[in-house]
Amino acid sequence: MKIFVVGLISFVLGLGLAGFVAIKFFVYGGQSVAASEIQFYSNTLQLINTNDINEIIKRSCFSLPVALENKEQMDNSFFATESPLIMVSADESIEDLAAKHLSDKGICKRT
């Protein structure tokens, strides 16, 4: 009987922990980050074939703020990880670097 009770308690705790991890993942935007990146890249690839640079920039400027906002939410989440492809020092943020780069190049400015 003790083994059954211990097994039941372990099973319930395991399910509870798995549910907690799943809720944290979906609440903090793991899915929305991936969806935004997929949308961004698919739009860009579709537009590259048309050679319409203005349309590419317009669509990218629409998707980029969403991607950056989702990245910020993900960074503040339970599953925050640093990408090995992007090196950012402790006093910098990828959002600030992106904004600086876009303003230096005159991209996404509203006229």
PDB file of N, CA and C in Angstrom:
ATOM      1  N   MET A   1       0.823  -1.198   0.000  1.00  0.00           N
ATOM      2  CA  MET A   1       0.000   0.000   0.000  1.00  0.00           C
ATOM      3  C   MET A   1       0.866   1.261   0.000  1.00  0.00           C
ATOM      4  N   LYS A   2       1.969   1.238   0.781  1.00  0.00           N
ATOM      5  CA  LYS A   2       2.860   2.406   0.818  1.00  0.00           C
ATOM      6  C   LYS A   2       3.452   2.671  -0.565  1.00  0.00           C
ATOM      7  N   ILE A   3       3.824   1.601  -1.263  1.00  0.00           N
ATOM      8  CA  ILE A   3       4.416   1.768  -2.594  1.00  0.00           C
ATOM      9  C   ILE A   3       3.393   2.401  -3.543  1.00  0.00           C
ATOM     10  N   PHE A   4       2.151   1.965  -3.443  1.00  0.00           N
ATOM     11  CA  PHE A   4       1.099   2.528  -4.288  1.00  0.00           C
ATOM     12  C   PHE A   4       0.900   4.017  -4.006  1.00  0.00           C
ATOM     13  N   VAL A   5       0.879   4.409  -2.737  1.00  0.00           N
ATOM     14  CA  VAL A   5       0.682   5.812  -2.360  1.00  0.00           C
ATOM     15  C   VAL A   5       1.863   6.656  -2.826  1.00  0.00           C
ATOM     16  N   VAL A   6       3.081   6.161  -2.600  1.00  0.00           N
ATOM     17  CA  VAL A   6       4.277   6.896  -3.040  1.00  0.00           C
ATOM     18  C   VAL A   6       4.279   7.027  -4.565  1.00  0.00           C
ATOM     19  N   GLY A   7       3.933   5.963  -5.260  1.00  0.00           N
ATOM     20  CA  GLY A   7       3.866   6.006  -6.720  1.00  0.00           C
ATOM     21  C   GLY A   7       2.823   6.990  -7.216  1.00  0.00           C
ATOM     22  N   LEU A   8       1.671   7.001  -6.572  1.00  0.00           N
ATOM     23  CA  LEU A   8       0.608   7.930  -6.948  1.00  0.00           C
ATOM     24  C   LEU A   8       1.021   9.382  -6.719  1.00  0.00           C
ATOM     25  N   ILE A   9       1.644   9.638  -5.577  1.00  0.00           N
ATOM     26  CA  ILE A   9       2.120  11.001  -5.276  1.00  0.00           C
ATOM     27  C   ILE A   9       3.184  11.428  -6.284  1.00  0.00           C
ATOM     28  N   SER A  10       4.118  10.534  -6.607  1.00  0.00           N
ATOM     29  CA  SER A  10       5.161  10.858  -7.585  1.00  0.00           C
ATOM     30  C   SER A  10       4.560  11.148  -8.955  1.00  0.00           C
ATOM     31  N   PHE A  11       3.563  10.352  -9.334  1.00  0.00           N
ATOM     32  CA  PHE A  11       2.908  10.547 -10.622  1.00  0.00           C
ATOM     33  C   PHE A  11       2.215  11.907 -10.689  1.00  0.00           C
ATOM     34  N   VAL A  12       1.489  12.251  -9.642  1.00  0.00           N
ATOM     35  CA  VAL A  12       0.775  13.531  -9.602  1.00  0.00           C
ATOM     36  C   VAL A  12       1.758  14.698  -9.621  1.00  0.00           C
ATOM     37  N   LEU A  13       2.842  14.597  -8.851  1.00  0.00           N
ATOM     38  CA  LEU A  13       3.848  15.670  -8.856  1.00  0.00           C
ATOM     39  C   LEU A  13       4.513  15.802 -10.222  1.00  0.00           C
ATOM     40  N   GLY A  14       4.792  14.683 -10.867  1.00  0.00           N
ATOM     41  CA  GLY A  14       5.386  14.715 -12.207  1.00  0.00           C
ATOM     42  C   GLY A  14       4.480  15.385 -13.215  1.00  0.00           C
ATOM     43  N   LEU A  15       3.197  15.051 -13.179  1.00  0.00           N
ATOM     44  CA  LEU A  15       2.244  15.702 -14.083  1.00  0.00           C
ATOM     45  C   LEU A  15       2.130  17.193 -13.789  1.00  0.00           C
ATOM     46  N   GLY A  16       2.123  17.540 -12.513  1.00  0.00           N
ATOM     47  CA  GLY A  16       2.028  18.951 -12.133  1.00  0.00           C
ATOM     48  C   GLY A  16       3.211  19.748 -12.629  1.00  0.00           C
ATOM     49  N   LEU A  17       4.414  19.190 -12.488  1.00  0.00           N
ATOM     50  CA  LEU A  17       5.626  19.882 -12.943  1.00  0.00           C
ATOM     51  C   LEU A  17       5.635  20.015 -14.462  1.00  0.00           C
ATOM     52  N   ALA A  18       5.254  18.952 -15.160  1.00  0.00           N
ATOM     53  CA  ALA A  18       5.204  19.017 -16.624  1.00  0.00           C
ATOM     54  C   ALA A  18       4.185  20.065 -17.082  1.00  0.00           C
ATOM     55  N   GLY A  19       3.045  20.124 -16.403  1.00  0.00           N
ATOM     56  CA  GLY A  19       2.041  21.136 -16.741  1.00  0.00           C
ATOM     57  C   GLY A  19       2.543  22.538 -16.497  1.00  0.00           C
ATOM     58  N   PHE A  20       3.273  22.730 -15.405  1.00  0.00           N
ATOM     59  CA  PHE A  20       3.838  24.043 -15.082  1.00  0.00           C
ATOM     60  C   PHE A  20       4.815  24.487 -16.167  1.00  0.00           C
ATOM     61  N   VAL A  21       5.681  23.585 -16.591  1.00  0.00           N
ATOM     62  CA  VAL A  21       6.660  23.915 -17.630  1.00  0.00           C
ATOM     63  C   VAL A  21       5.944  24.246 -18.939  1.00  0.00           C
ATOM     64  N   ALA A  22       4.931  23.471 -19.294  1.00  0.00           N
ATOM     65  CA  ALA A  22       4.197  23.730 -20.537  1.00  0.00           C
ATOM     66  C   ALA A  22       3.482  25.076 -20.489  1.00  0.00           C
ATOM     67  N   ILE A  23       2.866  25.387 -19.363  1.00  0.00           N
ATOM     68  CA  ILE A  23       2.174  26.675 -19.227  1.00  0.00           C
ATOM     69  C   ILE A  23       3.164  27.824 -19.337  1.00  0.00           C
ATOM     70  N   LYS A  24       4.312  27.713 -18.668  1.00  0.00           N
ATOM     71  CA  LYS A  24       5.324  28.771 -18.749  1.00  0.00           C
ATOM     72  C   LYS A  24       5.769  28.979 -20.190  1.00  0.00           C
ATOM     73  N   PHE A  25       5.966  27.881 -20.913  1.00  0.00           N
ATOM     74  CA  PHE A  25       6.445  27.998 -22.289  1.00  0.00           C
ATOM     75  C   PHE A  25       5.432  28.732 -23.164  1.00  0.00           C
ATOM     76  N   PHE A  26       4.163  28.344 -23.082  1.00  0.00           N
ATOM     77  CA  PHE A  26       3.164  28.953 -23.956  1.00  0.00           C
ATOM     78  C   PHE A  26       2.762  30.343 -23.502  1.00  0.00           C
ATOM     79  N   VAL A  27       2.782  30.610 -22.219  1.00  0.00           N
ATOM     80  CA  VAL A  27       2.410  31.937 -21.726  1.00  0.00           C
ATOM     81  C   VAL A  27       3.445  32.968 -22.136  1.00  0.00           C
ATOM     82  N   TYR A  28       4.717  32.607 -22.115  1.00  0.00           N
ATOM     83  CA  TYR A  28       5.766  33.590 -22.358  1.00  0.00           C
ATOM     84  C   TYR A  28       6.211  33.666 -23.807  1.00  0.00           C
ATOM     85  N   GLY A  29       5.407  33.209 -24.728  1.00  0.00           N
ATOM     86  CA  GLY A  29       5.600  33.570 -26.128  1.00  0.00           C
ATOM     87  C   GLY A  29       6.543  32.730 -26.941  1.00  0.00           C
ATOM     88  N   GLY A  30       6.904  31.554 -26.505  1.00  0.00           N
ATOM     89  CA  GLY A  30       7.764  30.719 -27.330  1.00  0.00           C
ATOM     90  C   GLY A  30       7.156  30.484 -28.697  1.00  0.00           C
ATOM     91  N   GLN A  31       5.863  30.278 -28.718  1.00  0.00           N
ATOM     92  CA  GLN A  31       5.166  30.026 -29.962  1.00  0.00           C
ATOM     93  C   GLN A  31       5.083  31.299 -30.805  1.00  0.00           C
ATOM     94  N   SER A  32       4.832  32.436 -30.179  1.00  0.00           N
ATOM     95  CA  SER A  32       4.682  33.672 -30.944  1.00  0.00           C
ATOM     96  C   SER A  32       6.007  34.132 -31.535  1.00  0.00           C
ATOM     97  N   VAL A  33       7.117  33.865 -30.837  1.00  0.00           N
ATOM     98  CA  VAL A  33       8.428  34.222 -31.383  1.00  0.00           C
ATOM     99  C   VAL A  33       8.676  33.429 -32.653  1.00  0.00           C
ATOM    100  N   ALA A  34       8.445  32.130 -32.591  1.00  0.00           N
ATOM    101  CA  ALA A  34       8.669  31.290 -33.768  1.00  0.00           C
ATOM    102  C   ALA A  34       7.738  31.699 -34.904  1.00  0.00           C
ATOM    103  N   ALA A  35       6.486  31.964 -34.596  1.00  0.00           N
ATOM    104  CA  ALA A  35       5.525  32.352 -35.634  1.00  0.00           C
ATOM    105  C   ALA A  35       5.924  33.665 -36.291  1.00  0.00           C
ATOM    106  N   SER A  36       6.385  34.613 -35.499  1.00  0.00           N
ATOM    107  CA  SER A  36       6.798  35.901 -36.045  1.00  0.00           C
ATOM    108  C   SER A  36       8.010  35.744 -36.954  1.00  0.00           C
ATOM    109  N   GLU A  37       8.974  34.922 -36.537  1.00  0.00           N
ATOM    110  CA  GLU A  37      10.158  34.711 -37.365  1.00  0.00           C
ATOM    111  C   GLU A  37       9.795  34.005 -38.663  1.00  0.00           C
ATOM    112  N   ILE A  38       8.916  33.011 -38.576  1.00  0.00           N
ATOM    113  CA  ILE A  38       8.496  32.302 -39.786  1.00  0.00           C
ATOM    114  C   ILE A  38       7.788  33.259 -40.738  1.00  0.00           C
ATOM    115  N   GLN A  39       6.911  34.099 -40.202  1.00  0.00           N
ATOM    116  CA  GLN A  39       6.203  35.066 -41.042  1.00  0.00           C
ATOM    117  C   GLN A  39       7.192  36.036 -41.682  1.00  0.00           C
ATOM    118  N   PHE A  40       8.140  36.521 -40.899  1.00  0.00           N
ATOM    119  CA  PHE A  40       9.126  37.475 -41.394  1.00  0.00           C
ATOM    120  C   PHE A  40       9.922  36.877 -42.554  1.00  0.00           C
ATOM    121  N   TYR A  41      10.441  35.671 -42.353  1.00  0.00           N
ATOM    122  CA  TYR A  41      11.269  35.059 -43.390  1.00  0.00           C
ATOM    123  C   TYR A  41      10.455  34.644 -44.607  1.00  0.00           C
ATOM    124  N   SER A  42       9.246  34.134 -44.395  1.00  0.00           N
ATOM    125  CA  SER A  42       8.442  33.735 -45.554  1.00  0.00           C
ATOM    126  C   SER A  42       8.037  34.953 -46.383  1.00  0.00           C
ATOM    127  N   ASN A  43       7.671  36.051 -45.719  1.00  0.00           N
ATOM    128  CA  ASN A  43       7.349  37.281 -46.460  1.00  0.00           C
ATOM    129  C   ASN A  43       8.546  37.760 -47.257  1.00  0.00           C
ATOM    130  N   THR A  44       9.711  37.752 -46.620  1.00  0.00           N
ATOM    131  CA  THR A  44      10.918  38.232 -47.296  1.00  0.00           C
ATOM    132  C   THR A  44      11.252  37.361 -48.497  1.00  0.00           C
ATOM    133  N   LEU A  45      11.198  36.043 -48.317  1.00  0.00           N
ATOM    134  CA  LEU A  45      11.524  35.147 -49.429  1.00  0.00           C
ATOM    135  C   LEU A  45      10.533  35.290 -50.581  1.00  0.00           C
ATOM    136  N   GLN A  46       9.262  35.470 -50.272  1.00  0.00           N
ATOM    137  CA  GLN A  46       8.270  35.655 -51.332  1.00  0.00           C
ATOM    138  C   GLN A  46       8.517  36.949 -52.092  1.00  0.00           C
ATOM    139  N   LEU A  47       8.917  37.984 -51.371  1.00  0.00           N
ATOM    140  CA  LEU A  47       9.083  39.287 -52.008  1.00  0.00           C
ATOM    141  C   LEU A  47      10.396  39.420 -52.765  1.00  0.00           C
ATOM    142  N   ILE A  48      11.401  38.641 -52.381  1.00  0.00           N
ATOM    143  CA  ILE A  48      12.690  38.734 -53.072  1.00  0.00           C
ATOM    144  C   ILE A  48      12.515  38.385 -54.548  1.00  0.00           C
ATOM    145  N   ASN A  49      11.658  37.426 -54.840  1.00  0.00           N
ATOM    146  CA  ASN A  49      11.424  37.032 -56.231  1.00  0.00           C
ATOM    147  C   ASN A  49      10.794  38.146 -57.057  1.00  0.00           C
ATOM    148  N   THR A  50      10.083  39.062 -56.419  1.00  0.00           N
ATOM    149  CA  THR A  50       9.436  40.143 -57.160  1.00  0.00           C
ATOM    150  C   THR A  50      10.380  41.308 -57.430  1.00  0.00           C
ATOM    151  N   ASN A  51      11.520  41.338 -56.766  1.00  0.00           N
ATOM    152  CA  ASN A  51      12.493  42.431 -56.883  1.00  0.00           C
ATOM    153  C   ASN A  51      11.902  43.777 -56.490  1.00  0.00           C
ATOM    154  N   ASP A  52      10.884  43.774 -55.657  1.00  0.00           N
ATOM    155  CA  ASP A  52      10.254  45.014 -55.195  1.00  0.00           C
ATOM    156  C   ASP A  52      10.820  45.362 -53.814  1.00  0.00           C
ATOM    157  N   ILE A  53      11.921  46.092 -53.801  1.00  0.00           N
ATOM    158  CA  ILE A  53      12.630  46.408 -52.559  1.00  0.00           C
ATOM    159  C   ILE A  53      11.755  47.224 -51.614  1.00  0.00           C
ATOM    160  N   ASN A  54      10.985  48.165 -52.147  1.00  0.00           N
ATOM    161  CA  ASN A  54      10.123  48.980 -51.283  1.00  0.00           C
ATOM    162  C   ASN A  54       9.097  48.132 -50.546  1.00  0.00           C
ATOM    163  N   GLU A  55       8.543  47.142 -51.232  1.00  0.00           N
ATOM    164  CA  GLU A  55       7.562  46.261 -50.595  1.00  0.00           C
ATOM    165  C   GLU A  55       8.234  45.378 -49.545  1.00  0.00           C
ATOM    166  N   ILE A  56       9.445  44.915 -49.816  1.00  0.00           N
ATOM    167  CA  ILE A  56      10.189  44.112 -48.835  1.00  0.00           C
ATOM    168  C   ILE A  56      10.426  44.924 -47.571  1.00  0.00           C
ATOM    169  N   ILE A  57      10.865  46.173 -47.730  1.00  0.00           N
ATOM    170  CA  ILE A  57      11.140  47.023 -46.565  1.00  0.00           C
ATOM    171  C   ILE A  57       9.849  47.310 -45.803  1.00  0.00           C
ATOM    172  N   LYS A  58       8.763  47.575 -46.528  1.00  0.00           N
ATOM    173  CA  LYS A  58       7.489  47.863 -45.869  1.00  0.00           C
ATOM    174  C   LYS A  58       7.028  46.665 -45.035  1.00  0.00           C
ATOM    175  N   ARG A  59       7.072  45.471 -45.604  1.00  0.00           N
ATOM    176  CA  ARG A  59       6.648  44.268 -44.875  1.00  0.00           C
ATOM    177  C   ARG A  59       7.591  43.972 -43.712  1.00  0.00           C
ATOM    178  N   SER A  60       8.888  44.148 -43.930  1.00  0.00           N
ATOM    179  CA  SER A  60       9.860  43.889 -42.865  1.00  0.00           C
ATOM    180  C   SER A  60       9.670  44.860 -41.713  1.00  0.00           C
ATOM    181  N   CYS A  61       9.391  46.113 -42.026  1.00  0.00           N
ATOM    182  CA  CYS A  61       9.185  47.114 -40.981  1.00  0.00           C
ATOM    183  C   CYS A  61       7.901  46.853 -40.210  1.00  0.00           C
ATOM    184  N   PHE A  62       6.964  46.142 -40.817  1.00  0.00           N
ATOM    185  CA  PHE A  62       5.751  45.749 -40.104  1.00  0.00           C
ATOM    186  C   PHE A  62       6.039  44.586 -39.150  1.00  0.00           C
ATOM    187  N   SER A  63       6.847  43.617 -39.594  1.00  0.00           N
ATOM    188  CA  SER A  63       7.110  42.413 -38.797  1.00  0.00           C
ATOM    189  C   SER A  63       8.175  42.620 -37.736  1.00  0.00           C
ATOM    190  N   LEU A  64       9.150  43.476 -37.999  1.00  0.00           N
ATOM    191  CA  LEU A  64      10.292  43.617 -37.093  1.00  0.00           C
ATOM    192  C   LEU A  64       9.908  44.067 -35.690  1.00  0.00           C
ATOM    193  N   PRO A  65       9.060  45.087 -35.506  1.00  0.00           N
ATOM    194  CA  PRO A  65       8.693  45.465 -34.133  1.00  0.00           C
ATOM    195  C   PRO A  65       8.004  44.334 -33.372  1.00  0.00           C
ATOM    196  N   VAL A  66       7.209  43.537 -34.072  1.00  0.00           N
ATOM    197  CA  VAL A  66       6.542  42.401 -33.425  1.00  0.00           C
ATOM    198  C   VAL A  66       7.577  41.380 -32.976  1.00  0.00           C
ATOM    199  N   ALA A  67       8.542  41.093 -33.840  1.00  0.00           N
ATOM    200  CA  ALA A  67       9.585  40.129 -33.489  1.00  0.00           C
ATOM    201  C   ALA A  67      10.415  40.624 -32.310  1.00  0.00           C
ATOM    202  N   LEU A  68      10.751  41.917 -32.304  1.00  0.00           N
ATOM    203  CA  LEU A  68      11.547  42.457 -31.199  1.00  0.00           C
ATOM    204  C   LEU A  68      10.763  42.448 -29.895  1.00  0.00           C
ATOM    205  N   GLU A  69       9.470  42.759 -29.955  1.00  0.00           N
ATOM    206  CA  GLU A  69       8.649  42.732 -28.743  1.00  0.00           C
ATOM    207  C   GLU A  69       8.544  41.304 -28.204  1.00  0.00           C
ATOM    208  N   ASN A  70       8.346  40.353 -29.104  1.00  0.00           N
ATOM    209  CA  ASN A  70       8.268  38.959 -28.675  1.00  0.00           C
ATOM    210  C   ASN A  70       9.599  38.475 -28.121  1.00  0.00           C
ATOM    211  N   LYS A  71      10.708  38.943 -28.704  1.00  0.00           N
ATOM    212  CA  LYS A  71      12.019  38.546 -28.194  1.00  0.00           C
ATOM    213  C   LYS A  71      12.219  39.094 -26.791  1.00  0.00           C
ATOM    214  N   GLU A  72      11.787  40.326 -26.557  1.00  0.00           N
ATOM    215  CA  GLU A  72      11.915  40.918 -25.227  1.00  0.00           C
ATOM    216  C   GLU A  72      11.087  40.132 -24.209  1.00  0.00           C
ATOM    217  N   GLN A  73       9.877  39.730 -24.593  1.00  0.00           N
ATOM    218  CA  GLN A  73       9.047  38.916 -23.704  1.00  0.00           C
ATOM    219  C   GLN A  73       9.710  37.578 -23.426  1.00  0.00           C
ATOM    220  N   MET A  74      10.304  36.983 -24.454  1.00  0.00           N
ATOM    221  CA  MET A  74      10.956  35.687 -24.274  1.00  0.00           C
ATOM    222  C   MET A  74      12.187  35.829 -23.385  1.00  0.00           C
ATOM    223  N   ASP A  75      12.941  36.936 -23.537  1.00  0.00           N
ATOM    224  CA  ASP A  75      14.118  37.154 -22.692  1.00  0.00           C
ATOM    225  C   ASP A  75      13.735  37.258 -21.224  1.00  0.00           C
ATOM    226  N   ASN A  76      12.569  37.804 -20.941  1.00  0.00           N
ATOM    227  CA  ASN A  76      12.116  37.957 -19.566  1.00  0.00           C
ATOM    228  C   ASN A  76      11.402  36.714 -19.055  1.00  0.00           C
ATOM    229  N   SER A  77      11.321  35.690 -19.876  1.00  0.00           N
ATOM    230  CA  SER A  77      10.543  34.515 -19.514  1.00  0.00           C
ATOM    231  C   SER A  77      11.387  33.505 -18.749  1.00  0.00           C
ATOM    232  N   PHE A  78      10.714  32.441 -18.366  1.00  0.00           N
ATOM    233  CA  PHE A  78      11.329  31.335 -17.638  1.00  0.00           C
ATOM    234  C   PHE A  78      12.389  30.644 -18.486  1.00  0.00           C
ATOM    235  N   PHE A  79      12.222  30.666 -19.812  1.00  0.00           N
ATOM    236  CA  PHE A  79      13.103  29.944 -20.715  1.00  0.00           C
ATOM    237  C   PHE A  79      14.102  30.857 -21.421  1.00  0.00           C
ATOM    238  N   ALA A  80      14.478  31.957 -20.798  1.00  0.00           N
ATOM    239  CA  ALA A  80      15.386  32.907 -21.443  1.00  0.00           C
ATOM    240  C   ALA A  80      16.734  32.244 -21.708  1.00  0.00           C
ATOM    241  N   THR A  81      17.167  32.322 -22.948  1.00  0.00           N
ATOM    242  CA  THR A  81      18.479  31.788 -23.325  1.00  0.00           C
ATOM    243  C   THR A  81      19.142  32.787 -24.251  1.00  0.00           C
ATOM    244  N   GLU A  82      20.447  32.778 -24.269  1.00  0.00           N
ATOM    245  CA  GLU A  82      21.188  33.658 -25.165  1.00  0.00           C
ATOM    246  C   GLU A  82      21.547  32.899 -26.430  1.00  0.00           C
ATOM    247  N   SER A  83      21.397  33.539 -27.549  1.00  0.00           N
ATOM    248  CA  SER A  83      21.756  32.926 -28.819  1.00  0.00           C
ATOM    249  C   SER A  83      23.266  32.984 -29.000  1.00  0.00           C
ATOM    250  N   PRO A  84      23.897  31.874 -29.378  1.00  0.00           N
ATOM    251  CA  PRO A  84      25.343  31.907 -29.611  1.00  0.00           C
ATOM    252  C   PRO A  84      25.709  32.673 -30.875  1.00  0.00           C
ATOM    253  N   LEU A  85      24.711  32.971 -31.725  1.00  0.00           N
ATOM    254  CA  LEU A  85      24.988  33.679 -32.972  1.00  0.00           C
ATOM    255  C   LEU A  85      25.019  35.187 -32.795  1.00  0.00           C
ATOM    256  N   ILE A  86      24.451  35.686 -31.706  1.00  0.00           N
ATOM    257  CA  ILE A  86      24.392  37.124 -31.465  1.00  0.00           C
ATOM    258  C   ILE A  86      25.130  37.418 -30.171  1.00  0.00           C
ATOM    259  N   MET A  87      26.204  38.156 -30.269  1.00  0.00           N
ATOM    260  CA  MET A  87      26.973  38.485 -29.076  1.00  0.00           C
ATOM    261  C   MET A  87      26.601  39.889 -28.616  1.00  0.00           C
ATOM    262  N   VAL A  88      26.018  39.980 -27.455  1.00  0.00           N
ATOM    263  CA  VAL A  88      25.595  41.254 -26.891  1.00  0.00           C
ATOM    264  C   VAL A  88      26.225  41.369 -25.518  1.00  0.00           C
ATOM    265  N   SER A  89      26.884  42.505 -25.261  1.00  0.00           N
ATOM    266  CA  SER A  89      27.503  42.682 -23.949  1.00  0.00           C
ATOM    267  C   SER A  89      26.431  42.959 -22.905  1.00  0.00           C
ATOM    268  N   ALA A  90      26.826  42.951 -21.648  1.00  0.00           N
ATOM    269  CA  ALA A  90      25.871  43.080 -20.541  1.00  0.00           C
ATOM    270  C   ALA A  90      25.128  44.415 -20.564  1.00  0.00           C
ATOM    271  N   ASP A  91      25.762  45.476 -21.057  1.00  0.00           N
ATOM    272  CA  ASP A  91      25.118  46.797 -21.032  1.00  0.00           C
ATOM    273  C   ASP A  91      24.370  47.115 -22.335  1.00  0.00           C
ATOM    274  N   GLU A  92      24.284  46.156 -23.257  1.00  0.00           N
ATOM    275  CA  GLU A  92      23.582  46.361 -24.517  1.00  0.00           C
ATOM    276  C   GLU A  92      22.365  45.447 -24.576  1.00  0.00           C
ATOM    277  N   SER A  93      21.417  45.810 -25.399  1.00  0.00           N
ATOM    278  CA  SER A  93      20.307  44.904 -25.688  1.00  0.00           C
ATOM    279  C   SER A  93      20.180  44.795 -27.199  1.00  0.00           C
ATOM    280  N   ILE A  94      19.693  43.662 -27.647  1.00  0.00           N
ATOM    281  CA  ILE A  94      19.556  43.463 -29.085  1.00  0.00           C
ATOM    282  C   ILE A  94      18.551  44.447 -29.673  1.00  0.00           C
ATOM    283  N   GLU A  95      17.562  44.848 -28.870  1.00  0.00           N
ATOM    284  CA  GLU A  95      16.574  45.811 -29.349  1.00  0.00           C
ATOM    285  C   GLU A  95      17.220  47.168 -29.618  1.00  0.00           C
ATOM    286  N   ASP A  96      18.113  47.611 -28.703  1.00  0.00           N
ATOM    287  CA  ASP A  96      18.805  48.887 -28.899  1.00  0.00           C
ATOM    288  C   ASP A  96      19.726  48.833 -30.112  1.00  0.00           C
ATOM    289  N   LEU A  97      20.432  47.712 -30.272  1.00  0.00           N
ATOM    290  CA  LEU A  97      21.319  47.570 -31.428  1.00  0.00           C
ATOM    291  C   LEU A  97      20.527  47.588 -32.737  1.00  0.00           C
ATOM    292  N   ALA A  98      19.379  46.909 -32.753  1.00  0.00           N
ATOM    293  CA  ALA A  98      18.556  46.891 -33.969  1.00  0.00           C
ATOM    294  C   ALA A  98      18.028  48.286 -34.283  1.00  0.00           C
ATOM    295  N   ALA A  99      17.542  48.989 -33.258  1.00  0.00           N
ATOM    296  CA  ALA A  99      17.017  50.342 -33.471  1.00  0.00           C
ATOM    297  C   ALA A  99      18.112  51.272 -33.982  1.00  0.00           C
ATOM    298  N   LYS A 100      19.317  51.169 -33.426  1.00  0.00           N
ATOM    299  CA  LYS A 100      20.437  52.011 -33.865  1.00  0.00           C
ATOM    300  C   LYS A 100      20.800  51.699 -35.318  1.00  0.00           C
ATOM    301  N   HIS A 101      20.883  50.421 -35.635  1.00  0.00           N
ATOM    302  CA  HIS A 101      21.236  50.030 -36.999  1.00  0.00           C
ATOM    303  C   HIS A 101      20.191  50.520 -37.996  1.00  0.00           C
ATOM    304  N   LEU A 102      18.921  50.373 -37.647  1.00  0.00           N
ATOM    305  CA  LEU A 102      17.858  50.812 -38.558  1.00  0.00           C
ATOM    306  C   LEU A 102      17.858  52.324 -38.729  1.00  0.00           C
ATOM    307  N   SER A 103      18.094  53.064 -37.634  1.00  0.00           N
ATOM    308  CA  SER A 103      18.100  54.526 -37.754  1.00  0.00           C
ATOM    309  C   SER A 103      19.328  55.015 -38.516  1.00  0.00           C
ATOM    310  N   ASP A 104      20.475  54.344 -38.326  1.00  0.00           N
ATOM    311  CA  ASP A 104      21.681  54.721 -39.074  1.00  0.00           C
ATOM    312  C   ASP A 104      21.484  54.544 -40.575  1.00  0.00           C
ATOM    313  N   LYS A 105      20.776  53.503 -40.943  1.00  0.00           N
ATOM    314  CA  LYS A 105      20.560  53.210 -42.364  1.00  0.00           C
ATOM    315  C   LYS A 105      19.324  53.909 -42.926  1.00  0.00           C
ATOM    316  N   GLY A 106      18.540  54.563 -42.060  1.00  0.00           N
ATOM    317  CA  GLY A 106      17.333  55.239 -42.522  1.00  0.00           C
ATOM    318  C   GLY A 106      16.205  54.286 -42.883  1.00  0.00           C
ATOM    319  N   ILE A 107      16.233  53.093 -42.289  1.00  0.00           N
ATOM    320  CA  ILE A 107      15.218  52.082 -42.591  1.00  0.00           C
ATOM    321  C   ILE A 107      14.089  52.195 -41.577  1.00  0.00           C
ATOM    322  N   CYS A 108      12.882  51.976 -42.009  1.00  0.00           N
ATOM    323  CA  CYS A 108      11.672  51.973 -41.177  1.00  0.00           C
ATOM    324  C   CYS A 108      11.345  53.347 -40.607  1.00  0.00           C
ATOM    325  N   LYS A 109      11.827  54.405 -41.237  1.00  0.00           N
ATOM    326  CA  LYS A 109      11.457  55.748 -40.787  1.00  0.00           C
ATOM    327  C   LYS A 109      10.126  56.110 -41.402  1.00  0.00           C
ATOM    328  N   ARG A 110       9.259  56.659 -40.572  1.00  0.00           N
ATOM    329  CA  ARG A 110       7.948  57.088 -41.067  1.00  0.00           C
ATOM    330  C   ARG A 110       8.081  58.505 -41.619  1.00  0.00           C
ATOM    331  N   THR A 111       7.539  58.709 -42.804  1.00  0.00           N
ATOM    332  CA  THR A 111       7.627  60.041 -43.418  1.00  0.00           C
ATOM    333  C   THR A 111       6.276  60.692 -43.501  1.00  0.00           C
TER     334      THR A 111
END
